[in-house]
Amino acid sequence: MSLQSFLRNTVREGDLTLELPGGHVLKLGDGSGPPLKARITSAAWAARIAAKPGLGVGEAYVDGGLVLEQGDIADFIDLIGANAKFKKRKKRGPLARWWRDRRREANHRRAARRNVAHHYDLSNELYRRFLDEDMQYSCAYFARPDMTLEEAQLAKKRHIAAKLALQPGQTVLDIGCGWGGMALTLAEETGVEVDGITLSTEQLALAQQRAEAKGLSGRARFSLTDYRDVPGPYDRIVSVGMFEHVGRPNYQAYFDGVARLLKDDGVALIHSIGRPEGPNVTNAWVAKYIFPGGYIPALSEVLPAIERAGLYVTDIEILRLHYAETLKNWRERFADRREEIAGMMDERFCRMWEFYLGISEMAFRHRGHFVFQVQLAKRIDALPVTRDYMGEAERALTSPARRVA
């Protein structure tokens, strides 16, 4: 299919004027919405985009092959996202699927460390420029639409804490602890002891500094440890935004590990992005430039591994559009500090991350991506049989008088 045919079939809504190499101009869409103008700078770039749109559009924008002359990249991505339709893919055979999963997502220990470093060891100062004050790099929880990002991220942590049914003195494992915000909040507000593990040296150093500064280093401990190497056991396990890096070949080992690390009356809460259309593939551009080895799971891929591990699913919650709003906040904050970030990194990096944040928001706003929180237990009676305790605990955590120093 030619690039012109592809674009005419894809962009049916909106108002996009696209100048092709040689001066030919395409008017695309039905004229609705803000007008956008873009230009493809060479025949070589046009061919690359036509051959592999999922990879080529991002590469063209980052490297100057696609130039926006009216509107910005967020507007352009929003238009493409609003027009995107799910396409049925030809089903691969079991051998082809097995080889694809192991080639792209095997994530053995050395590869997992390398993939984490690619994204999370860039610079703590980069992430300070667009995240909230606690440096939460996962979906916030907008309990009210007027919440600030800081308020919504604190609400997320308390929402998860309530589901864990924590008691002072319990031991908690935080798999993929990031810069330590979740572990520190749990230790400070609920009186538990937390072991946070990460594969990022940058995250580890800052998490340890923050624990020391808060006087919590005795109850919030951090280490550079693979989840497969933790001894345990623990009363509680929490993992927020890490499961997307596990890879399908490791799902069974991951949940077997959760079962092994939980005490008999233990509870786990896994918070992850989910895809709505069933098993699929990672966007080629994201896999190459942003999250090598990453994969967003469908629940249909996750639940069988949980069942085989002998764990009970005691609660599932789907957070819709919360991540779209989170990403909008990050994208706007990134834009506000863009000059500083370009000075720290470079112009190409800024264009890459503008595209990454934009297509990520589009996936949640237009393509149905969501966040799931799956609560797990080893015993059927490990938790109350109604969800009332969650709301009660969440309300209690908002009262300063109830927090444990």
Protein backbone atom coordinates (compact mmCIF):
# COMPACT_ATOMS: atom_id res chain seq x y z
CA MET A 1 0.00 0.00 0.00
CA SER A 2 1.33 3.47 -0.90
CA LEU A 3 1.80 6.12 1.78
CA GLN A 4 -1.03 8.18 0.30
CA SER A 5 -3.45 5.25 0.36
CA PHE A 6 -2.42 4.37 3.92
CA LEU A 7 -2.97 7.94 5.12
CA ARG A 8 -6.33 8.35 3.39
CA ASN A 9 -7.53 5.09 4.93
CA THR A 10 -6.20 6.04 8.38
CA VAL A 11 -7.04 9.73 8.81
CA ARG A 12 -10.78 10.08 8.30
CA GLU A 13 -11.52 12.53 11.11
CA GLY A 14 -9.80 15.80 12.00
CA ASP A 15 -8.01 18.35 9.83
CA LEU A 16 -4.51 17.44 8.68
CA THR A 17 -2.64 19.00 5.78
CA LEU A 18 0.42 16.96 4.87
CA GLU A 19 3.06 18.07 2.37
CA LEU A 20 4.83 15.15 0.71
CA PRO A 21 8.29 15.23 -0.88
CA GLY A 22 8.04 16.91 -4.26
CA GLY A 23 5.45 19.41 -3.08
CA HIS A 24 2.26 17.30 -3.36
CA VAL A 25 -0.19 18.27 -0.60
CA LEU A 26 -2.72 15.90 0.97
CA LYS A 27 -5.82 17.19 2.75
CA LEU A 28 -6.81 14.51 5.24
CA GLY A 29 -9.78 14.12 7.56
CA ASP A 30 -13.25 15.61 7.62
CA GLY A 31 -12.20 19.14 8.60
CA SER A 32 -13.20 18.82 12.25
CA GLY A 33 -11.00 19.94 15.11
CA PRO A 34 -7.93 22.19 15.13
CA PRO A 35 -6.09 22.41 11.79
CA LEU A 36 -2.68 20.71 11.68
CA LYS A 37 0.03 21.02 9.06
CA ALA A 38 3.00 18.70 8.68
CA ARG A 39 5.72 18.03 6.14
CA ILE A 40 7.68 14.88 5.27
CA THR A 41 11.13 16.06 4.31
CA SER A 42 12.34 13.39 1.86
CA ALA A 43 11.29 10.45 -0.26
CA ALA A 44 13.44 8.21 1.95
CA TRP A 45 11.45 9.20 5.03
CA ALA A 46 8.17 8.74 3.17
CA ALA A 47 9.24 5.22 2.22
CA ARG A 48 10.26 4.37 5.80
CA ILE A 49 6.95 5.60 7.19
CA ALA A 50 4.97 3.68 4.56
CA ALA A 51 6.93 0.47 5.16
CA LYS A 52 6.69 0.47 8.97
CA PRO A 53 4.34 3.19 10.27
CA GLY A 54 4.58 2.02 13.90
CA LEU A 55 8.33 2.60 13.84
CA GLY A 56 8.75 5.14 11.06
CA VAL A 57 6.51 7.96 12.29
CA GLY A 58 8.32 8.21 15.62
CA GLU A 59 11.75 7.98 14.02
CA ALA A 60 10.81 10.62 11.45
CA TYR A 61 9.65 13.05 14.13
CA VAL A 62 12.69 12.49 16.35
CA ASP A 63 15.23 12.78 13.50
CA GLY A 64 13.63 15.61 11.51
CA GLY A 65 11.96 13.61 8.77
CA LEU A 66 8.51 14.76 9.92
CA VAL A 67 8.19 18.49 10.61
CA LEU A 68 5.11 20.04 12.21
CA GLU A 69 4.37 23.50 10.83
CA GLN A 70 1.01 24.08 12.54
CA GLY A 71 0.06 22.47 15.82
CA ASP A 72 2.39 20.45 18.04
CA ILE A 73 3.28 16.79 18.39
CA ALA A 74 0.63 16.24 21.07
CA ASP A 75 -2.06 17.49 18.67
CA PHE A 76 -0.69 15.31 15.87
CA ILE A 77 -0.60 12.17 18.04
CA ASP A 78 -4.09 12.88 19.36
CA LEU A 79 -5.42 13.10 15.80
CA ILE A 80 -3.76 9.84 14.78
CA GLY A 81 -4.95 8.16 17.97
CA ALA A 82 -8.53 9.32 17.52
CA ASN A 83 -8.53 7.78 14.03
CA ALA A 84 -6.82 4.54 14.97
CA LYS A 85 -8.92 1.41 14.83
CA PHE A 86 -8.05 -2.00 16.13
CA LYS A 87 -7.00 -4.27 13.31
CA LYS A 88 -7.24 -8.01 13.53
CA ARG A 89 -3.81 -9.52 13.22
CA LYS A 90 -3.10 -12.82 11.58
CA LYS A 91 -2.68 -15.34 14.36
CA ARG A 92 0.79 -16.77 14.63
CA GLY A 93 1.34 -20.42 15.34
CA PRO A 94 2.43 -21.56 18.80
CA LEU A 95 6.06 -22.04 17.78
CA ALA A 96 6.27 -18.55 16.27
CA ARG A 97 4.68 -17.02 19.40
CA TRP A 98 7.08 -18.94 21.64
CA TRP A 99 10.10 -17.71 19.68
CA ARG A 100 8.85 -14.09 19.56
CA ASP A 101 8.22 -13.95 23.31
CA ARG A 102 11.61 -15.40 24.20
CA ARG A 103 13.51 -13.28 21.72
CA ARG A 104 11.98 -9.98 22.79
CA GLU A 105 10.94 -10.46 26.39
CA ALA A 106 13.16 -13.16 27.89
CA ASN A 107 14.52 -10.65 30.45
CA HIS A 108 17.03 -12.94 32.13
CA ARG A 109 18.89 -11.26 34.98
CA ARG A 110 21.55 -9.54 32.90
CA ALA A 111 19.06 -8.39 30.25
CA ALA A 112 16.65 -7.14 32.92
CA ARG A 113 19.41 -5.04 34.48
CA ARG A 114 20.43 -3.67 31.06
CA ASN A 115 16.84 -2.80 30.11
CA VAL A 116 16.23 -1.02 33.41
CA ALA A 117 19.42 1.01 33.01
CA HIS A 118 18.34 2.06 29.50
CA HIS A 119 15.35 3.95 30.90
CA TYR A 120 15.65 4.48 34.64
CA ASP A 121 19.35 5.29 34.97
CA LEU A 122 19.19 8.28 32.63
CA SER A 123 19.28 10.92 35.37
CA ASN A 124 17.39 11.52 38.59
CA GLU A 125 17.40 15.21 37.70
CA LEU A 126 15.53 14.48 34.47
CA TYR A 127 12.70 12.79 36.35
CA ARG A 128 12.57 15.58 38.94
CA ARG A 129 11.68 17.97 36.13
CA PHE A 130 8.31 16.43 35.30
CA LEU A 131 7.21 14.00 38.03
CA ASP A 132 5.47 14.95 41.26
CA GLU A 133 7.48 15.87 44.35
CA ASP A 134 7.54 12.23 45.52
CA MET A 135 8.77 11.07 42.09
CA GLN A 136 5.99 8.57 41.49
CA TYR A 137 6.53 7.20 37.97
CA SER A 138 3.27 5.27 37.66
CA CYS A 139 -0.44 5.92 37.27
CA ALA A 140 -1.92 8.37 39.77
CA TYR A 141 -5.38 7.95 41.28
CA PHE A 142 -7.65 10.91 40.57
CA ALA A 143 -10.30 10.34 43.22
CA ARG A 144 -11.54 13.85 42.32
CA PRO A 145 -11.16 15.45 38.89
CA ASP A 146 -9.73 18.65 40.39
CA MET A 147 -6.79 16.91 42.10
CA THR A 148 -3.26 18.10 41.49
CA LEU A 149 -0.73 15.51 40.39
CA GLU A 150 0.78 15.54 43.90
CA GLU A 151 -2.62 14.90 45.48
CA ALA A 152 -3.47 12.14 43.02
CA GLN A 153 -0.17 10.34 43.54
CA LEU A 154 -0.61 10.43 47.32
CA ALA A 155 -4.17 9.15 46.83
CA LYS A 156 -2.75 6.27 44.73
CA LYS A 157 -0.37 5.22 47.49
CA ARG A 158 -3.09 5.33 50.12
CA HIS A 159 -5.53 3.49 47.86
CA ILE A 160 -3.00 0.67 47.56
CA ALA A 161 -2.13 0.76 51.27
CA ALA A 162 -5.82 0.31 52.12
CA LYS A 163 -6.04 -2.78 49.91
CA LEU A 164 -3.03 -4.30 51.65
CA ALA A 165 -4.81 -4.20 55.05
CA LEU A 166 -1.58 -3.23 56.76
CA GLN A 167 -0.85 -3.50 60.47
CA PRO A 168 2.08 -1.87 62.32
CA GLY A 169 5.09 -4.15 62.48
CA GLN A 170 4.25 -6.19 59.39
CA THR A 171 6.94 -6.83 56.80
CA VAL A 172 6.40 -5.64 53.23
CA LEU A 173 8.32 -6.34 50.02
CA ASP A 174 8.13 -3.58 47.39
CA ILE A 175 9.10 -5.12 44.03
CA GLY A 176 10.31 -2.36 41.73
CA CYS A 177 10.45 0.34 44.39
CA GLY A 178 11.49 3.21 42.13
CA TRP A 179 12.83 6.18 44.06
CA GLY A 180 11.32 4.86 47.28
CA GLY A 181 8.14 6.89 47.56
CA MET A 182 5.74 4.00 48.12
CA ALA A 183 7.98 2.25 50.65
CA LEU A 184 8.60 5.46 52.60
CA THR A 185 4.89 6.34 52.66
CA LEU A 186 3.93 2.87 53.92
CA ALA A 187 6.62 2.94 56.62
CA GLU A 188 5.74 6.48 57.70
CA GLU A 189 1.94 6.24 57.63
CA THR A 190 1.26 2.63 58.64
CA GLY A 191 4.22 1.59 60.77
CA VAL A 192 5.29 -1.38 58.64
CA GLU A 193 8.83 -2.41 57.71
CA VAL A 194 9.55 -2.34 53.98
CA ASP A 195 12.26 -3.89 51.84
CA GLY A 196 12.31 -2.10 48.49
CA ILE A 197 14.14 -3.71 45.56
CA THR A 198 15.16 -2.15 42.25
CA LEU A 199 17.61 -2.82 39.42
CA SER A 200 18.34 0.89 38.91
CA THR A 201 21.48 2.24 40.58
CA GLU A 202 20.17 5.81 40.24
CA GLN A 203 16.89 4.95 41.93
CA LEU A 204 18.63 2.98 44.68
CA ALA A 205 20.97 5.82 45.63
CA LEU A 206 18.16 8.36 45.87
CA ALA A 207 15.80 6.02 47.75
CA GLN A 208 18.48 5.38 50.37
CA GLN A 209 19.19 9.10 50.70
CA ARG A 210 15.50 9.84 51.18
CA ALA A 211 15.10 7.14 53.83
CA GLU A 212 18.10 8.50 55.73
CA ALA A 213 16.80 12.08 55.52
CA LYS A 214 13.40 11.03 56.92
CA GLY A 215 14.94 8.97 59.70
CA LEU A 216 13.35 5.83 58.26
CA SER A 217 16.39 3.88 57.11
CA GLY A 218 15.74 1.27 59.81
CA ARG A 219 12.20 0.58 58.55
CA ALA A 220 12.52 1.34 54.83
CA ARG A 221 15.49 -0.53 53.40
CA PHE A 222 16.48 -0.57 49.74
CA SER A 223 18.73 -2.85 47.71
CA LEU A 224 19.79 -3.64 44.15
CA THR A 225 18.10 -7.04 43.92
CA ASP A 226 16.30 -9.03 41.24
CA TYR A 227 12.85 -10.21 42.30
CA ARG A 228 13.96 -13.78 41.59
CA ASP A 229 16.65 -13.57 44.27
CA VAL A 230 14.66 -12.37 47.30
CA PRO A 231 14.61 -14.83 50.25
CA GLY A 232 11.42 -13.78 52.12
CA PRO A 233 8.91 -14.52 53.50
CA TYR A 234 6.79 -11.35 53.92
CA ASP A 235 3.41 -10.43 55.32
CA ARG A 236 2.68 -8.26 52.30
CA ILE A 237 3.99 -7.73 48.79
CA VAL A 238 3.35 -4.64 46.66
CA SER A 239 4.50 -4.02 43.11
CA VAL A 240 3.57 -0.83 41.24
CA GLY A 241 4.45 -0.33 37.59
CA MET A 242 7.07 -3.09 37.51
CA PHE A 243 5.14 -6.02 36.05
CA GLU A 244 5.27 -4.48 32.56
CA HIS A 245 9.03 -5.28 32.62
CA VAL A 246 8.71 -8.94 33.60
CA GLY A 247 8.07 -10.33 30.10
CA ARG A 248 5.67 -13.12 29.18
CA PRO A 249 8.21 -15.94 29.41
CA ASN A 250 8.63 -15.08 33.10
CA TYR A 251 5.01 -14.72 34.23
CA GLN A 252 4.89 -18.13 35.86
CA ALA A 253 8.20 -17.64 37.64
CA TYR A 254 7.04 -14.23 38.84
CA PHE A 255 3.80 -15.44 40.42
CA ASP A 256 5.43 -18.60 41.73
CA GLY A 257 7.86 -16.21 43.39
CA VAL A 258 5.05 -14.13 44.87
CA ALA A 259 3.52 -17.30 46.32
CA ARG A 260 6.88 -18.41 47.71
CA LEU A 261 7.60 -15.01 49.28
CA LEU A 262 4.21 -14.59 50.96
CA LYS A 263 3.52 -15.95 54.43
CA ASP A 264 0.53 -18.29 54.63
CA ASP A 265 -1.78 -15.41 55.64
CA GLY A 266 -0.04 -12.93 53.34
CA VAL A 267 -1.53 -10.53 50.79
CA ALA A 268 -0.08 -9.07 47.58
CA LEU A 269 -1.17 -6.17 45.39
CA ILE A 270 0.08 -6.01 41.79
CA HIS A 271 -0.51 -2.72 39.93
CA SER A 272 0.16 -2.86 36.18
CA ILE A 273 -0.85 -1.38 32.86
CA GLY A 274 -3.18 -3.68 30.91
CA ARG A 275 -4.18 -3.95 27.26
CA PRO A 276 -7.85 -4.40 26.29
CA GLU A 277 -7.59 -6.39 23.06
CA GLY A 278 -5.99 -9.57 24.36
CA PRO A 279 -2.42 -10.77 23.65
CA ASN A 280 -0.60 -8.54 21.20
CA VAL A 281 2.83 -7.02 20.56
CA THR A 282 4.68 -4.02 21.94
CA ASN A 283 4.75 -0.96 19.70
CA ALA A 284 7.96 -1.25 17.66
CA TRP A 285 9.13 2.31 18.37
CA VAL A 286 8.55 2.00 22.13
CA ALA A 287 10.34 -1.37 22.25
CA LYS A 288 13.36 0.01 20.37
CA TYR A 289 13.79 3.40 22.02
CA ILE A 290 11.96 3.55 25.35
CA PHE A 291 11.26 0.19 27.03
CA PRO A 292 13.34 -2.64 25.55
CA GLY A 293 12.06 -5.96 26.84
CA GLY A 294 8.80 -4.43 28.02
CA TYR A 295 5.32 -5.77 27.35
CA ILE A 296 1.89 -4.60 28.49
CA PRO A 297 -0.10 -7.69 29.45
CA ALA A 298 -3.70 -8.63 28.87
CA LEU A 299 -5.46 -9.96 31.94
CA SER A 300 -6.10 -13.16 30.01
CA GLU A 301 -2.33 -13.72 29.99
CA VAL A 302 -1.88 -12.94 33.68
CA LEU A 303 -4.68 -14.85 35.41
CA PRO A 304 -3.66 -18.36 34.27
CA ALA A 305 -0.18 -17.88 35.79
CA ILE A 306 -1.76 -16.67 39.05
CA GLU A 307 -4.00 -19.72 39.15
CA ARG A 308 -1.13 -22.11 38.49
CA ALA A 309 0.85 -20.50 41.32
CA GLY A 310 -1.90 -21.49 43.73
CA LEU A 311 -2.87 -17.91 44.60
CA TYR A 312 -6.41 -16.63 45.14
CA VAL A 313 -7.52 -13.52 43.25
CA THR A 314 -9.32 -11.68 46.04
CA ASP A 315 -9.99 -8.40 44.23
CA ILE A 316 -9.48 -6.78 40.83
CA GLU A 317 -9.97 -3.09 40.10
CA ILE A 318 -9.68 -1.45 36.69
CA LEU A 319 -8.56 2.19 36.62
CA ARG A 320 -9.82 3.82 33.41
CA LEU A 321 -8.37 7.10 32.10
CA HIS A 322 -6.44 7.78 35.31
CA TYR A 323 -3.20 7.16 33.43
CA ALA A 324 -4.28 9.41 30.56
CA GLU A 325 -4.60 12.27 33.05
CA THR A 326 -1.32 11.33 34.72
CA LEU A 327 0.49 11.40 31.39
CA LYS A 328 -1.12 14.70 30.47
CA ASN A 329 0.34 16.18 33.65
CA TRP A 330 3.77 14.73 32.88
CA ARG A 331 3.65 15.92 29.27
CA GLU A 332 2.70 19.46 30.29
CA ARG A 333 5.36 19.60 33.01
CA PHE A 334 7.94 18.27 30.55
CA ALA A 335 6.99 21.04 28.11
CA ASP A 336 7.25 23.68 30.84
CA ARG A 337 10.81 22.56 31.68
CA ARG A 338 11.81 21.62 28.14
CA GLU A 339 14.62 24.17 27.87
CA GLU A 340 16.22 22.88 31.06
CA ILE A 341 15.86 19.26 29.94
CA ALA A 342 17.38 20.03 26.53
CA GLY A 343 20.34 21.56 28.35
CA MET A 344 20.74 18.41 30.44
CA MET A 345 20.18 15.91 27.62
CA ASP A 346 19.82 17.27 24.06
CA GLU A 347 17.21 18.34 21.52
CA ARG A 348 16.81 14.88 20.02
CA PHE A 349 16.15 13.41 23.45
CA CYS A 350 13.42 15.99 24.06
CA ARG A 351 11.72 15.14 20.78
CA MET A 352 11.94 11.43 21.60
CA TRP A 353 10.33 11.92 25.00
CA GLU A 354 7.68 14.27 23.68
CA PHE A 355 6.70 11.51 21.28
CA TYR A 356 6.86 8.85 24.01
CA LEU A 357 4.67 10.79 26.45
CA GLY A 358 2.25 11.71 23.65
CA ILE A 359 1.72 8.21 22.28
CA SER A 360 1.45 6.83 25.81
CA GLU A 361 -1.34 9.26 26.66
CA MET A 362 -3.04 8.41 23.36
CA ALA A 363 -2.97 4.69 24.21
CA PHE A 364 -4.99 5.33 27.37
CA ARG A 365 -7.25 8.02 25.95
CA HIS A 366 -8.09 6.46 22.58
CA ARG A 367 -6.92 2.84 22.50
CA GLY A 368 -8.49 1.51 25.70
CA HIS A 369 -5.35 0.83 27.74
CA PHE A 370 -6.03 0.77 31.46
CA VAL A 371 -4.42 -0.04 34.81
CA PHE A 372 -5.38 -3.11 36.80
CA GLN A 373 -4.79 -3.70 40.48
CA VAL A 374 -4.95 -7.40 41.33
CA GLN A 375 -5.08 -8.36 45.00
CA LEU A 376 -3.80 -11.86 45.78
CA ALA A 377 -3.74 -14.11 48.82
CA LYS A 378 -2.58 -17.62 49.68
CA ARG A 379 -5.56 -18.31 51.94
CA ILE A 380 -9.20 -17.74 51.08
CA ASP A 381 -9.82 -16.18 54.52
CA ALA A 382 -6.77 -13.93 54.63
CA LEU A 383 -8.94 -10.79 54.18
CA PRO A 384 -12.43 -9.64 55.16
CA VAL A 385 -15.13 -10.99 52.85
CA THR A 386 -16.45 -7.55 51.85
CA ARG A 387 -14.58 -4.55 50.46
CA ASP A 388 -15.73 -2.21 53.25
CA TYR A 389 -12.36 -2.45 55.01
CA MET A 390 -10.66 -0.81 52.02
CA GLY A 391 -12.76 2.34 52.22
CA GLU A 392 -12.43 2.51 55.99
CA ALA A 393 -8.64 2.19 55.82
CA GLU A 394 -8.40 4.74 53.01
CA ARG A 395 -10.42 7.28 54.99
CA ALA A 396 -8.32 6.65 58.09
CA LEU A 397 -5.10 7.32 56.16
CA THR A 398 -6.29 10.83 55.31
CA SER A 399 -6.45 11.73 59.01
CA PRO A 400 -3.08 13.03 60.33
CA ALA A 401 -4.02 11.80 63.81
CA ARG A 402 -4.05 8.20 62.55
CA ARG A 403 -0.63 8.22 60.88
CA VAL A 404 2.26 6.39 62.50
CA ALA A 405 5.42 8.48 62.77
